[in-house]
């Protein structure tokens, strides 16, 4: 399988990206990598990591880079020769099977939505973030791709998230919850209430509304939200995790005895840190696109880049897009049938009244 990698994306590009690509080529013999970026700027790193003439590596030149400070629309307006846009075009033209970038999330979303388009029946793509809970892990979808959505969008996100959770955790029909302010179906705003009624008819294991304070107890495997709320939830969780780390450091360095205890438990703390380590996840897939796209963290390390490439390959092997297309079609057929049944009921009631 062939995977395009944005060499210029992220805070430490292109060095860390090329190193991650090199590790992937050595570790995954089934992958072919198309490295997209400024050929002169990455040439040194290709030599440094010993892949300048690798038989499974192809370099595609891209003149410009979309910086993190630039607007998302740059990828489709004034920087059509950027590494993100060029890689998205490769995915559109089916010259690659997947696209991986630790670069500008908004620019990647804009380029892929315009060029690659969405799968049949999918209205909007959504980011699926993999997060730790007390018992295992769960998916948050949407984690930031769509700040304003409809109830139909949320239902589609739930279906895509369910399939991704099945892939990630090996669980058939994983429980899906809708993020809201209360567990009852009457709680929430107009958006969540309408989405709740749709989710009840979706081909998923829908368990109802979920409050944020119970999410980390492992009550569901998929947490559905609009991109604004989902991203706030994600960033708040990341900030809290950093704060807990600081608090632990503070209490374990108060006196020599505690410092000794901390030293004896350093392997336990290292294991604790890995629960939320984004390097081990690699990135988050932008589900619903007519192609596989993995978006990594801006501060991605070589390990994160390698794991993002690995995740892209595993999504291809799983056939995730075909599974999404099939279930989305079933959902829309169900909703259309319900609509027709309701119309017939209203029409029948009208005739009875007239009679």
Protein backbone atom coordinates (compact mmCIF):
# COMPACT_ATOMS: atom_id res chain seq x y z
CA UNK A 1 0.00 0.00 0.00
CA UNK A 2 1.14 3.54 -0.75
CA UNK A 3 0.98 6.32 1.87
CA UNK A 4 1.64 10.03 1.28
CA UNK A 5 3.37 11.83 4.16
CA UNK A 6 3.54 15.61 4.54
CA UNK A 7 7.25 16.20 5.17
CA UNK A 8 6.80 19.87 6.01
CA UNK A 9 4.00 19.58 8.58
CA UNK A 10 4.47 20.07 12.32
CA UNK A 11 6.65 22.09 14.66
CA UNK A 12 9.86 20.15 13.98
CA UNK A 13 9.57 19.39 10.28
CA UNK A 14 11.13 18.20 8.12
CA UNK A 15 13.72 16.42 10.32
CA UNK A 16 11.42 14.50 12.65
CA UNK A 17 9.05 13.60 9.82
CA UNK A 18 11.81 12.15 7.66
CA UNK A 19 13.16 10.21 10.65
CA UNK A 20 9.68 8.81 11.31
CA UNK A 21 9.36 7.85 7.65
CA UNK A 22 12.76 6.14 7.78
CA UNK A 23 11.69 4.10 10.82
CA UNK A 24 8.47 3.14 9.02
CA UNK A 25 10.31 1.96 5.92
CA UNK A 26 12.60 -0.23 8.01
CA UNK A 27 9.79 -1.60 10.24
CA UNK A 28 6.90 -2.01 7.78
CA UNK A 29 8.04 -3.70 4.56
CA UNK A 30 4.51 -3.63 3.12
CA UNK A 31 4.42 0.19 2.97
CA UNK A 32 5.50 2.44 0.12
CA UNK A 33 5.97 6.06 1.19
CA UNK A 34 5.44 9.15 -0.95
CA UNK A 35 7.18 11.99 0.88
CA UNK A 36 5.69 15.36 -0.08
CA UNK A 37 7.70 18.51 0.57
CA UNK A 38 10.42 20.86 -0.61
CA UNK A 39 12.93 18.46 -2.16
CA UNK A 40 16.00 20.60 -1.39
CA UNK A 41 15.01 21.10 2.25
CA UNK A 42 14.49 17.40 2.90
CA UNK A 43 17.48 16.10 0.92
CA UNK A 44 19.88 16.45 3.87
CA UNK A 45 17.61 14.40 6.15
CA UNK A 46 17.12 11.69 3.54
CA UNK A 47 20.88 11.22 3.52
CA UNK A 48 21.15 11.51 7.30
CA UNK A 49 18.65 8.70 7.93
CA UNK A 50 19.86 6.51 5.10
CA UNK A 51 16.79 6.51 2.85
CA UNK A 52 17.89 8.80 -0.02
CA UNK A 53 17.79 5.90 -2.47
CA UNK A 54 15.32 3.64 -0.73
CA UNK A 55 13.35 1.54 -3.26
CA UNK A 56 10.04 2.07 -1.42
CA UNK A 57 10.39 5.84 -1.12
CA UNK A 58 9.28 8.46 -3.62
CA UNK A 59 9.72 12.22 -3.15
CA UNK A 60 7.15 14.61 -4.62
CA UNK A 61 8.16 18.26 -4.62
CA UNK A 62 5.94 20.95 -3.06
CA UNK A 63 7.08 24.57 -3.16
CA UNK A 64 5.39 26.01 -0.10
CA UNK A 65 4.36 25.22 3.47
CA UNK A 66 1.21 26.25 5.33
CA UNK A 67 2.33 27.65 8.67
CA UNK A 68 0.26 27.04 11.80
CA UNK A 69 -0.51 30.79 12.03
CA UNK A 70 -2.05 30.93 8.55
CA UNK A 71 -5.80 30.61 7.87
CA UNK A 72 -7.23 27.20 7.01
CA UNK A 73 -8.31 28.35 3.56
CA UNK A 74 -4.67 28.86 2.50
CA UNK A 75 -4.52 25.27 1.26
CA UNK A 76 -7.17 25.90 -1.40
CA UNK A 77 -6.72 29.60 -2.14
CA UNK A 78 -3.27 31.16 -2.12
CA UNK A 79 -1.05 28.12 -1.43
CA UNK A 80 -2.23 25.48 -3.87
CA UNK A 81 1.36 24.25 -4.18
CA UNK A 82 1.73 23.56 -0.44
CA UNK A 83 2.74 20.14 0.83
CA UNK A 84 -0.74 19.61 2.32
CA UNK A 85 -2.54 20.48 -0.92
CA UNK A 86 -0.20 18.43 -3.11
CA UNK A 87 -0.63 15.39 -0.84
CA UNK A 88 -4.43 15.85 -0.86
CA UNK A 89 -4.35 15.89 -4.68
CA UNK A 90 -2.44 12.60 -4.67
CA UNK A 91 -5.16 11.09 -2.48
CA UNK A 92 -7.89 12.52 -4.72
CA UNK A 93 -6.28 11.04 -7.84
CA UNK A 94 -5.90 7.64 -6.09
CA UNK A 95 -2.14 7.76 -6.57
CA UNK A 96 -1.85 6.96 -2.85
CA UNK A 97 -4.08 5.00 -0.49
CA UNK A 98 -3.68 7.31 2.50
CA UNK A 99 -2.38 10.71 3.57
CA UNK A 100 -0.58 11.44 6.86
CA UNK A 101 0.27 14.91 8.17
CA UNK A 102 1.32 16.42 11.52
CA UNK A 103 0.61 19.83 9.97
CA UNK A 104 -2.18 22.42 10.01
CA UNK A 105 -5.44 20.62 10.92
CA UNK A 106 -7.74 23.27 9.46
CA UNK A 107 -5.81 23.47 6.20
CA UNK A 108 -5.84 19.67 5.91
CA UNK A 109 -9.59 19.62 6.52
CA UNK A 110 -10.18 22.34 3.91
CA UNK A 111 -7.99 20.68 1.26
CA UNK A 112 -9.41 17.20 1.73
CA UNK A 113 -13.04 18.35 1.85
CA UNK A 114 -12.65 20.25 -1.42
CA UNK A 115 -10.34 17.86 -3.28
CA UNK A 116 -10.93 14.38 -1.86
CA UNK A 117 -14.62 14.85 -0.98
CA UNK A 118 -16.63 12.67 1.37
CA UNK A 119 -17.82 9.08 1.10
CA UNK A 120 -21.27 8.42 -0.42
CA UNK A 121 -23.94 9.41 2.10
CA UNK A 122 -21.54 11.24 4.43
CA UNK A 123 -22.22 14.97 4.71
CA UNK A 124 -19.16 15.97 6.73
CA UNK A 125 -15.91 14.30 7.82
CA UNK A 126 -15.08 14.20 11.53
CA UNK A 127 -11.95 13.83 13.65
CA UNK A 128 -11.86 10.76 15.90
CA UNK A 129 -9.54 11.16 18.89
CA UNK A 130 -8.44 8.14 20.94
CA UNK A 131 -8.48 8.88 24.69
CA UNK A 132 -7.81 6.93 27.92
CA UNK A 133 -10.47 6.06 30.48
CA UNK A 134 -10.22 4.43 33.93
CA UNK A 135 -10.71 1.00 32.41
CA UNK A 136 -9.36 1.23 28.84
CA UNK A 137 -9.81 3.79 26.03
CA UNK A 138 -12.61 5.51 24.11
CA UNK A 139 -13.17 7.58 20.96
CA UNK A 140 -14.25 11.24 20.91
CA UNK A 141 -15.91 12.27 17.65
CA UNK A 142 -15.96 15.04 16.47
CA UNK A 143 -12.76 16.29 18.10
CA UNK A 144 -12.58 19.58 16.21
CA UNK A 145 -13.37 19.38 12.50
CA UNK A 146 -16.88 20.91 12.57
CA UNK A 147 -17.79 23.69 14.99
CA UNK A 148 -21.39 23.95 13.80
CA UNK A 149 -23.34 20.80 12.95
CA UNK A 150 -26.83 19.40 12.47
CA UNK A 151 -28.43 16.46 14.26
CA UNK A 152 -27.93 14.43 11.08
CA UNK A 153 -24.20 15.19 11.21
CA UNK A 154 -24.02 13.93 14.81
CA UNK A 155 -25.80 10.71 13.84
CA UNK A 156 -23.30 10.14 11.02
CA UNK A 157 -20.41 10.88 13.39
CA UNK A 158 -21.77 8.27 15.77
CA UNK A 159 -21.86 5.61 13.05
CA UNK A 160 -18.33 6.41 11.87
CA UNK A 161 -17.04 6.48 15.44
CA UNK A 162 -18.66 3.15 16.19
CA UNK A 163 -16.90 1.52 13.23
CA UNK A 164 -13.58 3.09 14.21
CA UNK A 165 -13.96 1.87 17.80
CA UNK A 166 -14.71 -1.62 16.51
CA UNK A 167 -11.46 -1.43 14.55
CA UNK A 168 -9.38 0.05 17.37
CA UNK A 169 -10.63 -2.08 20.26
CA UNK A 170 -11.87 -5.24 18.55
CA UNK A 171 -15.34 -4.83 20.08
CA UNK A 172 -18.46 -5.63 18.08
CA UNK A 173 -21.21 -3.02 18.50
CA UNK A 174 -19.29 -0.79 20.94
CA UNK A 175 -21.50 1.35 23.22
CA UNK A 176 -22.04 4.88 21.89
CA UNK A 177 -22.99 7.88 24.01
CA UNK A 178 -24.06 11.44 23.19
CA UNK A 179 -22.27 14.13 25.22
CA UNK A 180 -24.89 16.21 27.03
CA UNK A 181 -25.68 17.96 30.30
CA UNK A 182 -27.82 15.15 31.69
CA UNK A 183 -28.48 11.45 31.26
CA UNK A 184 -32.19 11.77 30.51
CA UNK A 185 -33.32 12.11 26.89
CA UNK A 186 -35.13 15.33 27.82
CA UNK A 187 -31.85 17.00 28.83
CA UNK A 188 -29.65 19.02 26.49
CA UNK A 189 -30.22 21.64 23.81
CA UNK A 190 -32.31 21.41 20.64
CA UNK A 191 -29.38 19.89 18.73
CA UNK A 192 -28.73 17.02 21.16
CA UNK A 193 -32.44 16.31 21.63
CA UNK A 194 -32.98 15.98 17.88
CA UNK A 195 -29.79 13.92 17.53
CA UNK A 196 -30.94 11.63 20.35
CA UNK A 197 -34.08 10.65 18.43
CA UNK A 198 -32.03 9.93 15.29
CA UNK A 199 -29.41 7.92 17.16
CA UNK A 200 -32.13 5.65 18.53
CA UNK A 201 -32.74 4.48 14.94
CA UNK A 202 -29.07 4.32 13.86
CA UNK A 203 -27.35 0.93 13.30
CA UNK A 204 -25.24 1.32 16.45
CA UNK A 205 -25.33 0.36 20.13
CA UNK A 206 -26.69 3.70 21.35
CA UNK A 207 -26.85 4.01 25.13
CA UNK A 208 -28.20 7.56 25.41
CA UNK A 209 -26.84 10.79 26.84
CA UNK A 210 -23.53 10.83 28.70
CA UNK A 211 -22.44 13.51 31.17
CA UNK A 212 -18.85 14.67 30.99
CA UNK A 213 -18.10 13.72 34.61
CA UNK A 214 -18.76 10.02 33.88
CA UNK A 215 -16.96 9.70 30.53
CA UNK A 216 -13.62 8.68 32.03
CA UNK A 217 -15.28 5.90 34.03
CA UNK A 218 -15.47 3.97 30.76
CA UNK A 219 -19.24 4.13 30.38
CA UNK A 220 -18.99 4.22 26.57
CA UNK A 221 -16.49 3.47 23.82
CA UNK A 222 -17.62 6.31 21.55
CA UNK A 223 -18.47 9.81 22.75
CA UNK A 224 -20.33 11.89 20.16
CA UNK A 225 -20.24 15.69 20.12
CA UNK A 226 -20.09 18.62 17.74
CA UNK A 227 -16.53 19.68 16.89
CA UNK A 228 -16.61 22.78 19.10
CA UNK A 229 -17.71 20.90 22.22
CA UNK A 230 -15.56 17.87 21.42
CA UNK A 231 -12.43 19.97 20.99
CA UNK A 232 -13.07 21.86 24.23
CA UNK A 233 -13.53 18.53 26.00
CA UNK A 234 -10.29 17.21 24.46
CA UNK A 235 -8.20 20.29 25.27
CA UNK A 236 -9.60 20.52 28.79
CA UNK A 237 -8.70 16.85 29.37
CA UNK A 238 -5.16 17.41 28.06
CA UNK A 239 -4.74 20.45 30.31
CA UNK A 240 -6.00 18.57 33.36
CA UNK A 241 -3.59 15.70 32.65
CA UNK A 242 -0.67 18.16 32.56
CA UNK A 243 -1.86 19.74 35.80
CA UNK A 244 -2.08 16.35 37.53
CA UNK A 245 1.50 15.68 36.43
CA UNK A 246 2.63 18.99 37.97
CA UNK A 247 0.73 18.28 41.18
CA UNK A 248 2.32 14.85 41.49
CA UNK A 249 5.78 16.33 40.96
CA UNK A 250 5.11 18.99 43.57
CA UNK A 251 3.97 16.59 46.31
CA UNK A 252 6.73 14.05 45.60
CA UNK A 253 9.53 16.63 45.88
CA UNK A 254 8.48 18.17 49.20
CA UNK A 255 11.01 16.21 51.23
CA UNK A 256 13.79 13.59 50.74
CA UNK A 257 11.60 10.70 51.90
CA UNK A 258 8.93 11.44 49.29
CA UNK A 259 11.63 11.94 46.65
CA UNK A 260 12.99 8.48 47.45
CA UNK A 261 9.49 7.03 47.14
CA UNK A 262 9.05 8.78 43.81
CA UNK A 263 12.35 7.38 42.56
CA UNK A 264 11.35 3.85 43.54
CA UNK A 265 8.09 4.29 41.64
CA UNK A 266 9.52 5.97 38.55
CA UNK A 267 8.54 3.05 36.30
CA UNK A 268 4.96 3.34 37.54
CA UNK A 269 4.93 7.07 36.76
CA UNK A 270 6.36 6.38 33.32
CA UNK A 271 3.57 3.89 32.70
CA UNK A 272 1.03 6.42 33.95
CA UNK A 273 2.36 9.00 31.49
CA UNK A 274 1.89 6.58 28.61
CA UNK A 275 -1.88 6.52 29.16
CA UNK A 276 -2.14 9.95 27.56
CA UNK A 277 0.98 9.90 25.41
CA UNK A 278 -0.06 11.10 21.90
CA UNK A 279 3.13 9.59 20.42
CA UNK A 280 1.74 6.10 20.95
CA UNK A 281 -1.50 6.91 19.10
CA UNK A 282 0.20 8.63 16.17
CA UNK A 283 -2.76 10.76 15.18
CA UNK A 284 -6.50 11.01 14.67
CA UNK A 285 -8.24 9.87 11.49
CA UNK A 286 -10.45 12.29 9.59
CA UNK A 287 -13.31 9.82 9.12
CA UNK A 288 -15.81 10.11 6.29
CA UNK A 289 -13.40 11.18 3.56
CA UNK A 290 -13.17 9.26 0.30
CA UNK A 291 -9.71 8.15 1.34
CA UNK A 292 -7.75 7.59 4.56
CA UNK A 293 -6.34 10.71 6.23
CA UNK A 294 -4.49 10.74 9.57
CA UNK A 295 -3.78 14.08 11.28
CA UNK A 296 -1.01 14.06 13.86
CA UNK A 297 -0.17 16.49 16.63
CA UNK A 298 1.83 19.60 15.67
CA UNK A 299 4.55 18.56 18.11
CA UNK A 300 4.80 15.04 16.68
CA UNK A 301 8.05 13.15 17.28
CA UNK A 302 9.53 10.51 14.94
CA UNK A 303 7.71 7.85 17.00
CA UNK A 304 4.40 9.67 16.52
CA UNK A 305 4.99 9.98 12.77
CA UNK A 306 5.80 6.27 12.52
CA UNK A 307 2.69 5.33 14.48
CA UNK A 308 0.52 7.64 12.36
CA UNK A 309 1.77 5.87 9.23
CA UNK A 310 1.10 2.52 10.90
CA UNK A 311 -2.45 3.62 11.79
CA UNK A 312 -3.08 4.70 8.19
CA UNK A 313 -2.00 1.29 6.92
CA UNK A 314 -4.16 -0.54 9.46
CA UNK A 315 -7.23 1.53 8.51
CA UNK A 316 -6.70 0.55 4.88
CA UNK A 317 -6.37 -3.15 5.77
CA UNK A 318 -9.53 -3.00 7.91
CA UNK A 319 -11.49 -1.54 4.99
CA UNK A 320 -12.85 1.18 7.22
CA UNK A 321 -14.27 3.35 4.43
CA UNK A 322 -16.31 0.56 2.88
CA UNK A 323 -17.72 -0.33 6.31
CA UNK A 324 -18.65 3.32 6.89
CA UNK A 325 -20.33 3.56 3.48
CA UNK A 326 -22.38 0.41 4.11
CA UNK A 327 -23.65 1.48 7.55
CA UNK A 328 -24.33 5.07 6.49
CA UNK A 329 -26.46 3.73 3.62
CA UNK A 330 -28.45 1.54 6.04
CA UNK A 331 -28.99 4.53 8.32
CA UNK A 332 -30.26 6.80 5.53
CA UNK A 333 -32.57 4.04 4.25
CA UNK A 334 -33.98 3.66 7.78
CA UNK A 335 -34.53 7.40 8.16
CA UNK A 336 -36.22 7.58 4.76
CA UNK A 337 -38.52 4.70 5.70
CA UNK A 338 -39.43 6.40 8.98
CA UNK A 339 -40.15 9.61 7.10
CA UNK A 340 -42.43 7.78 4.67
CA UNK A 341 -44.21 5.95 7.49
CA UNK A 342 -44.82 9.24 9.32
CA UNK A 343 -46.17 10.81 6.13
CA UNK A 344 -48.56 7.90 5.61
CA UNK A 345 -49.71 8.16 9.24
CA UNK A 346 -50.40 11.90 8.93
CA UNK A 347 -52.18 11.38 5.62
CA UNK A 348 -54.30 8.58 7.07
CA UNK A 349 -55.23 10.70 10.09
CA UNK A 350 -56.23 13.56 7.79
CA UNK A 351 -58.50 11.31 5.76
CA UNK A 352 -60.16 9.96 8.92
CA UNK A 353 -60.86 13.49 10.13
CA UNK A 354 -62.34 14.47 6.76
CA UNK A 355 -64.44 11.26 6.72
